[in-house]
């Protein structure tokens, strides 16, 4: 069975995307702070879950976990 072109591109050539994603790491803390404010801004109930789709290398997920850990202190 022939693989889909996106599978070929993202899996077989992941090194091309890693450079781009790593270059965005310095922006992750501020972007995560902005994302963290969205539930309150849009009146989403506390305790709701957030699904981070296509998170790449997890730069936002890691920062959001840090924000949550600080809030728990």
PDB file of N, CA and C in Angstrom:
ATOM      1  N   UNK A   1       0.846  -1.177   0.000  1.00  0.00           N
ATOM      2  CA  UNK A   1       0.000   0.000   0.000  1.00  0.00           C
ATOM      3  C   UNK A   1       0.893   1.242   0.000  1.00  0.00           C
ATOM      4  N   UNK A   2       0.569   2.167  -0.850  1.00  0.00           N
ATOM      5  CA  UNK A   2       1.366   3.390  -0.968  1.00  0.00           C
ATOM      6  C   UNK A   2       1.078   4.332   0.200  1.00  0.00           C
ATOM      7  N   UNK A   3       2.122   4.912   0.736  1.00  0.00           N
ATOM      8  CA  UNK A   3       1.971   5.854   1.850  1.00  0.00           C
ATOM      9  C   UNK A   3       1.513   7.213   1.336  1.00  0.00           C
ATOM     10  N   UNK A   4       0.723   7.886   2.165  1.00  0.00           N
ATOM     11  CA  UNK A   4       0.244   9.217   1.821  1.00  0.00           C
ATOM     12  C   UNK A   4       1.420  10.187   1.782  1.00  0.00           C
ATOM     13  N   UNK A   5       1.358  11.182   0.951  1.00  0.00           N
ATOM     14  CA  UNK A   5       2.482  12.119   0.789  1.00  0.00           C
ATOM     15  C   UNK A   5       2.815  12.867   2.085  1.00  0.00           C
ATOM     16  N   UNK A   6       1.806  13.153   2.918  1.00  0.00           N
ATOM     17  CA  UNK A   6       2.111  13.840   4.173  1.00  0.00           C
ATOM     18  C   UNK A   6       2.882  12.921   5.113  1.00  0.00           C
ATOM     19  N   UNK A   7       2.569  11.646   5.097  1.00  0.00           N
ATOM     20  CA  UNK A   7       3.326  10.685   5.897  1.00  0.00           C
ATOM     21  C   UNK A   7       4.770  10.644   5.420  1.00  0.00           C
ATOM     22  N   UNK A   8       4.959  10.600   4.139  1.00  0.00           N
ATOM     23  CA  UNK A   8       6.316  10.593   3.588  1.00  0.00           C
ATOM     24  C   UNK A   8       7.065  11.860   3.971  1.00  0.00           C
ATOM     25  N   UNK A   9       6.415  12.992   3.877  1.00  0.00           N
ATOM     26  CA  UNK A   9       7.069  14.265   4.139  1.00  0.00           C
ATOM     27  C   UNK A   9       7.414  14.430   5.621  1.00  0.00           C
ATOM     28  N   UNK A  10       6.438  14.248   6.507  1.00  0.00           N
ATOM     29  CA  UNK A  10       6.654  14.522   7.927  1.00  0.00           C
ATOM     30  C   UNK A  10       7.450  13.435   8.640  1.00  0.00           C
ATOM     31  N   UNK A  11       7.330  12.204   8.215  1.00  0.00           N
ATOM     32  CA  UNK A  11       8.053  11.121   8.869  1.00  0.00           C
ATOM     33  C   UNK A  11       9.445  10.947   8.266  1.00  0.00           C
ATOM     34  N   UNK A  12       9.503  10.889   6.961  1.00  0.00           N
ATOM     35  CA  UNK A  12      10.787  10.636   6.311  1.00  0.00           C
ATOM     36  C   UNK A  12      11.718  11.840   6.312  1.00  0.00           C
ATOM     37  N   UNK A  13      11.167  13.021   6.476  1.00  0.00           N
ATOM     38  CA  UNK A  13      11.991  14.238   6.425  1.00  0.00           C
ATOM     39  C   UNK A  13      11.781  15.105   7.668  1.00  0.00           C
ATOM     40  N   UNK A  14      11.608  14.463   8.806  1.00  0.00           N
ATOM     41  CA  UNK A  14      11.320  15.189  10.046  1.00  0.00           C
ATOM     42  C   UNK A  14      12.431  16.166  10.424  1.00  0.00           C
ATOM     43  N   UNK A  15      13.649  15.880  10.033  1.00  0.00           N
ATOM     44  CA  UNK A  15      14.761  16.780  10.364  1.00  0.00           C
ATOM     45  C   UNK A  15      14.547  18.172   9.785  1.00  0.00           C
ATOM     46  N   UNK A  16      13.832  18.300   8.695  1.00  0.00           N
ATOM     47  CA  UNK A  16      13.564  19.618   8.103  1.00  0.00           C
ATOM     48  C   UNK A  16      12.642  20.440   8.996  1.00  0.00           C
ATOM     49  N   UNK A  17      11.686  19.795   9.631  1.00  0.00           N
ATOM     50  CA  UNK A  17      10.718  20.492  10.471  1.00  0.00           C
ATOM     51  C   UNK A  17      11.249  20.744  11.868  1.00  0.00           C
ATOM     52  N   UNK A  18      12.146  19.889  12.331  1.00  0.00           N
ATOM     53  CA  UNK A  18      12.705  20.052  13.664  1.00  0.00           C
ATOM     54  C   UNK A  18      13.441  21.382  13.791  1.00  0.00           C
ATOM     55  N   UNK A  19      14.168  21.781  12.784  1.00  0.00           N
ATOM     56  CA  UNK A  19      14.881  23.066  12.821  1.00  0.00           C
ATOM     57  C   UNK A  19      13.895  24.225  12.977  1.00  0.00           C
ATOM     58  N   UNK A  20      12.804  24.179  12.250  1.00  0.00           N
ATOM     59  CA  UNK A  20      11.779  25.220  12.328  1.00  0.00           C
ATOM     60  C   UNK A  20      11.136  25.245  13.716  1.00  0.00           C
ATOM     61  N   UNK A  21      10.788  24.062  14.227  1.00  0.00           N
ATOM     62  CA  UNK A  21      10.130  23.981  15.533  1.00  0.00           C
ATOM     63  C   UNK A  21      11.062  24.409  16.659  1.00  0.00           C
ATOM     64  N   UNK A  22      12.315  24.020  16.588  1.00  0.00           N
ATOM     65  CA  UNK A  22      13.279  24.428  17.619  1.00  0.00           C
ATOM     66  C   UNK A  22      13.518  25.933  17.580  1.00  0.00           C
ATOM     67  N   UNK A  23      13.474  26.536  16.411  1.00  0.00           N
ATOM     68  CA  UNK A  23      13.658  27.980  16.294  1.00  0.00           C
ATOM     69  C   UNK A  23      12.530  28.745  16.982  1.00  0.00           C
ATOM     70  N   UNK A  24      11.374  28.113  17.120  1.00  0.00           N
ATOM     71  CA  UNK A  24      10.213  28.756  17.752  1.00  0.00           C
ATOM     72  C   UNK A  24      10.199  28.588  19.273  1.00  0.00           C
ATOM     73  N   UNK A  25      11.107  27.808  19.824  1.00  0.00           N
ATOM     74  CA  UNK A  25      11.116  27.568  21.274  1.00  0.00           C
ATOM     75  C   UNK A  25      11.176  28.838  22.125  1.00  0.00           C
ATOM     76  N   UNK A  26      11.962  29.851  21.771  1.00  0.00           N
ATOM     77  CA  UNK A  26      12.001  31.050  22.619  1.00  0.00           C
ATOM     78  C   UNK A  26      10.649  31.759  22.763  1.00  0.00           C
ATOM     79  N   UNK A  27       9.761  31.594  21.791  1.00  0.00           N
ATOM     80  CA  UNK A  27       8.439  32.230  21.851  1.00  0.00           C
ATOM     81  C   UNK A  27       7.440  31.437  22.680  1.00  0.00           C
ATOM     82  N   UNK A  28       7.760  30.198  23.004  1.00  0.00           N
ATOM     83  CA  UNK A  28       6.803  29.293  23.653  1.00  0.00           C
ATOM     84  C   UNK A  28       6.262  29.801  24.987  1.00  0.00           C
ATOM     85  N   UNK A  29       7.082  30.356  25.899  1.00  0.00           N
ATOM     86  CA  UNK A  29       6.513  30.810  27.174  1.00  0.00           C
ATOM     87  C   UNK A  29       5.419  31.866  27.009  1.00  0.00           C
ATOM     88  N   UNK A  30       5.642  32.849  26.171  1.00  0.00           N
ATOM     89  CA  UNK A  30       4.635  33.892  25.969  1.00  0.00           C
ATOM     90  C   UNK A  30       3.407  33.345  25.250  1.00  0.00           C
ATOM     91  N   UNK A  31       3.613  32.494  24.264  1.00  0.00           N
ATOM     92  CA  UNK A  31       2.479  31.891  23.561  1.00  0.00           C
ATOM     93  C   UNK A  31       1.648  31.035  24.516  1.00  0.00           C
ATOM     94  N   UNK A  32       2.317  30.303  25.404  1.00  0.00           N
ATOM     95  CA  UNK A  32       1.598  29.475  26.377  1.00  0.00           C
ATOM     96  C   UNK A  32       0.811  30.342  27.352  1.00  0.00           C
ATOM     97  N   UNK A  33       1.381  31.457  27.775  1.00  0.00           N
ATOM     98  CA  UNK A  33       0.646  32.385  28.652  1.00  0.00           C
ATOM     99  C   UNK A  33      -0.626  32.860  27.956  1.00  0.00           C
ATOM    100  N   UNK A  34      -0.528  33.172  26.679  1.00  0.00           N
ATOM    101  CA  UNK A  34      -1.702  33.614  25.918  1.00  0.00           C
ATOM    102  C   UNK A  34      -2.750  32.506  25.831  1.00  0.00           C
ATOM    103  N   UNK A  35      -2.305  31.288  25.573  1.00  0.00           N
ATOM    104  CA  UNK A  35      -3.228  30.149  25.498  1.00  0.00           C
ATOM    105  C   UNK A  35      -3.862  29.894  26.865  1.00  0.00           C
ATOM    106  N   UNK A  36      -3.081  30.038  27.918  1.00  0.00           N
ATOM    107  CA  UNK A  36      -3.566  29.808  29.285  1.00  0.00           C
ATOM    108  C   UNK A  36      -4.725  30.758  29.633  1.00  0.00           C
ATOM    109  N   UNK A  37      -4.733  31.934  29.073  1.00  0.00           N
ATOM    110  CA  UNK A  37      -5.780  32.924  29.349  1.00  0.00           C
ATOM    111  C   UNK A  37      -7.071  32.681  28.563  1.00  0.00           C
ATOM    112  N   UNK A  38      -7.008  31.870  27.523  1.00  0.00           N
ATOM    113  CA  UNK A  38      -8.172  31.677  26.650  1.00  0.00           C
ATOM    114  C   UNK A  38      -9.396  31.078  27.351  1.00  0.00           C
ATOM    115  N   UNK A  39      -9.244  30.046  28.190  1.00  0.00           N
ATOM    116  CA  UNK A  39     -10.462  29.490  28.823  1.00  0.00           C
ATOM    117  C   UNK A  39     -11.244  30.517  29.639  1.00  0.00           C
ATOM    118  N   UNK A  40     -10.547  31.335  30.404  1.00  0.00           N
ATOM    119  CA  UNK A  40     -11.240  32.349  31.200  1.00  0.00           C
ATOM    120  C   UNK A  40     -11.887  33.389  30.283  1.00  0.00           C
ATOM    121  N   UNK A  41     -11.155  33.781  29.268  1.00  0.00           N
ATOM    122  CA  UNK A  41     -11.674  34.779  28.328  1.00  0.00           C
ATOM    123  C   UNK A  41     -12.960  34.287  27.660  1.00  0.00           C
ATOM    124  N   UNK A  42     -13.028  32.997  27.382  1.00  0.00           N
ATOM    125  CA  UNK A  42     -14.185  32.434  26.680  1.00  0.00           C
ATOM    126  C   UNK A  42     -15.125  31.681  27.627  1.00  0.00           C
ATOM    127  N   UNK A  43     -14.963  31.912  28.927  1.00  0.00           N
ATOM    128  CA  UNK A  43     -15.839  31.373  29.966  1.00  0.00           C
ATOM    129  C   UNK A  43     -15.970  29.848  29.907  1.00  0.00           C
ATOM    130  N   UNK A  44     -14.839  29.177  29.745  1.00  0.00           N
ATOM    131  CA  UNK A  44     -14.803  27.723  29.778  1.00  0.00           C
ATOM    132  C   UNK A  44     -14.637  27.306  31.234  1.00  0.00           C
ATOM    133  N   UNK A  45     -15.417  26.355  31.669  1.00  0.00           N
ATOM    134  CA  UNK A  45     -15.446  25.948  33.077  1.00  0.00           C
ATOM    135  C   UNK A  45     -14.083  25.462  33.558  1.00  0.00           C
ATOM    136  N   UNK A  46     -13.771  25.825  34.800  1.00  0.00           N
ATOM    137  CA  UNK A  46     -12.538  25.343  35.431  1.00  0.00           C
ATOM    138  C   UNK A  46     -12.563  23.823  35.468  1.00  0.00           C
ATOM    139  N   UNK A  47     -11.423  23.211  35.258  1.00  0.00           N
ATOM    140  CA  UNK A  47     -11.327  21.759  35.256  1.00  0.00           C
ATOM    141  C   UNK A  47     -11.581  21.127  33.902  1.00  0.00           C
ATOM    142  N   UNK A  48     -11.948  21.940  32.907  1.00  0.00           N
ATOM    143  CA  UNK A  48     -12.139  21.407  31.563  1.00  0.00           C
ATOM    144  C   UNK A  48     -10.789  20.938  31.025  1.00  0.00           C
ATOM    145  N   UNK A  49     -10.826  20.102  30.036  1.00  0.00           N
ATOM    146  CA  UNK A  49      -9.592  19.571  29.455  1.00  0.00           C
ATOM    147  C   UNK A  49      -9.297  20.267  28.134  1.00  0.00           C
ATOM    148  N   UNK A  50      -8.016  20.374  27.842  1.00  0.00           N
ATOM    149  CA  UNK A  50      -7.549  20.993  26.608  1.00  0.00           C
ATOM    150  C   UNK A  50      -6.754  19.966  25.834  1.00  0.00           C
ATOM    151  N   UNK A  51      -7.084  19.775  24.588  1.00  0.00           N
ATOM    152  CA  UNK A  51      -6.367  18.841  23.735  1.00  0.00           C
ATOM    153  C   UNK A  51      -5.459  19.634  22.806  1.00  0.00           C
ATOM    154  N   UNK A  52      -4.181  19.345  22.874  1.00  0.00           N
ATOM    155  CA  UNK A  52      -3.186  20.020  22.045  1.00  0.00           C
ATOM    156  C   UNK A  52      -2.890  19.125  20.849  1.00  0.00           C
ATOM    157  N   UNK A  53      -3.556  19.384  19.746  1.00  0.00           N
ATOM    158  CA  UNK A  53      -3.361  18.588  18.535  1.00  0.00           C
ATOM    159  C   UNK A  53      -2.171  19.100  17.738  1.00  0.00           C
ATOM    160  N   UNK A  54      -1.498  18.178  17.131  1.00  0.00           N
ATOM    161  CA  UNK A  54      -0.360  18.520  16.266  1.00  0.00           C
ATOM    162  C   UNK A  54       0.619  19.426  16.989  1.00  0.00           C
ATOM    163  N   UNK A  55       1.017  18.995  18.160  1.00  0.00           N
ATOM    164  CA  UNK A  55       1.839  19.851  19.007  1.00  0.00           C
ATOM    165  C   UNK A  55       3.309  19.870  18.616  1.00  0.00           C
ATOM    166  N   UNK A  56       3.682  19.177  17.576  1.00  0.00           N
ATOM    167  CA  UNK A  56       5.068  19.215  17.141  1.00  0.00           C
ATOM    168  C   UNK A  56       5.978  18.608  18.191  1.00  0.00           C
ATOM    169  N   UNK A  57       6.852  19.408  18.752  1.00  0.00           N
ATOM    170  CA  UNK A  57       7.783  18.910  19.769  1.00  0.00           C
ATOM    171  C   UNK A  57       7.291  19.211  21.173  1.00  0.00           C
ATOM    172  N   UNK A  58       6.066  19.686  21.302  1.00  0.00           N
ATOM    173  CA  UNK A  58       5.455  19.897  22.613  1.00  0.00           C
ATOM    174  C   UNK A  58       5.818  21.200  23.291  1.00  0.00           C
ATOM    175  N   UNK A  59       6.258  22.184  22.529  1.00  0.00           N
ATOM    176  CA  UNK A  59       6.720  23.424  23.170  1.00  0.00           C
ATOM    177  C   UNK A  59       5.619  24.118  23.956  1.00  0.00           C
ATOM    178  N   UNK A  60       4.393  24.073  23.500  1.00  0.00           N
ATOM    179  CA  UNK A  60       3.300  24.697  24.252  1.00  0.00           C
ATOM    180  C   UNK A  60       2.850  23.806  25.401  1.00  0.00           C
ATOM    181  N   UNK A  61       2.791  22.509  25.185  1.00  0.00           N
ATOM    182  CA  UNK A  61       2.368  21.588  26.242  1.00  0.00           C
ATOM    183  C   UNK A  61       3.295  21.667  27.449  1.00  0.00           C
ATOM    184  N   UNK A  62       4.579  21.719  27.201  1.00  0.00           N
ATOM    185  CA  UNK A  62       5.555  21.794  28.293  1.00  0.00           C
ATOM    186  C   UNK A  62       5.377  23.091  29.069  1.00  0.00           C
ATOM    187  N   UNK A  63       5.234  24.197  28.371  1.00  0.00           N
ATOM    188  CA  UNK A  63       5.069  25.491  29.041  1.00  0.00           C
ATOM    189  C   UNK A  63       3.744  25.569  29.789  1.00  0.00           C
ATOM    190  N   UNK A  64       2.675  25.012  29.222  1.00  0.00           N
ATOM    191  CA  UNK A  64       1.385  25.008  29.911  1.00  0.00           C
ATOM    192  C   UNK A  64       1.462  24.163  31.180  1.00  0.00           C
ATOM    193  N   UNK A  65       2.202  23.077  31.145  1.00  0.00           N
ATOM    194  CA  UNK A  65       2.389  22.255  32.351  1.00  0.00           C
ATOM    195  C   UNK A  65       3.144  23.044  33.402  1.00  0.00           C
ATOM    196  N   UNK A  66       4.126  23.839  33.006  1.00  0.00           N
ATOM    197  CA  UNK A  66       4.861  24.674  33.955  1.00  0.00           C
ATOM    198  C   UNK A  66       3.936  25.711  34.597  1.00  0.00           C
ATOM    199  N   UNK A  67       3.086  26.317  33.794  1.00  0.00           N
ATOM    200  CA  UNK A  67       2.139  27.304  34.312  1.00  0.00           C
ATOM    201  C   UNK A  67       1.213  26.644  35.339  1.00  0.00           C
ATOM    202  N   UNK A  68       0.717  25.471  35.007  1.00  0.00           N
ATOM    203  CA  UNK A  68      -0.188  24.760  35.918  1.00  0.00           C
ATOM    204  C   UNK A  68       0.525  24.370  37.211  1.00  0.00           C
ATOM    205  N   UNK A  69       1.777  23.951  37.097  1.00  0.00           N
ATOM    206  CA  UNK A  69       2.539  23.582  38.298  1.00  0.00           C
ATOM    207  C   UNK A  69       2.759  24.795  39.197  1.00  0.00           C
ATOM    208  N   UNK A  70       3.053  25.949  38.604  1.00  0.00           N
ATOM    209  CA  UNK A  70       3.229  27.176  39.406  1.00  0.00           C
ATOM    210  C   UNK A  70       1.935  27.555  40.099  1.00  0.00           C
ATOM    211  N   UNK A  71       0.822  27.384  39.435  1.00  0.00           N
ATOM    212  CA  UNK A  71      -0.475  27.744  40.016  1.00  0.00           C
ATOM    213  C   UNK A  71      -0.843  26.822  41.173  1.00  0.00           C
ATOM    214  N   UNK A  72      -0.339  25.598  41.152  1.00  0.00           N
ATOM    215  CA  UNK A  72      -0.649  24.646  42.206  1.00  0.00           C
ATOM    216  C   UNK A  72       0.151  24.889  43.478  1.00  0.00           C
ATOM    217  N   UNK A  73       1.189  25.696  43.393  1.00  0.00           N
ATOM    218  CA  UNK A  73       2.029  25.964  44.578  1.00  0.00           C
ATOM    219  C   UNK A  73       1.329  26.851  45.568  1.00  0.00           C
TER     220      UNK A  73
END
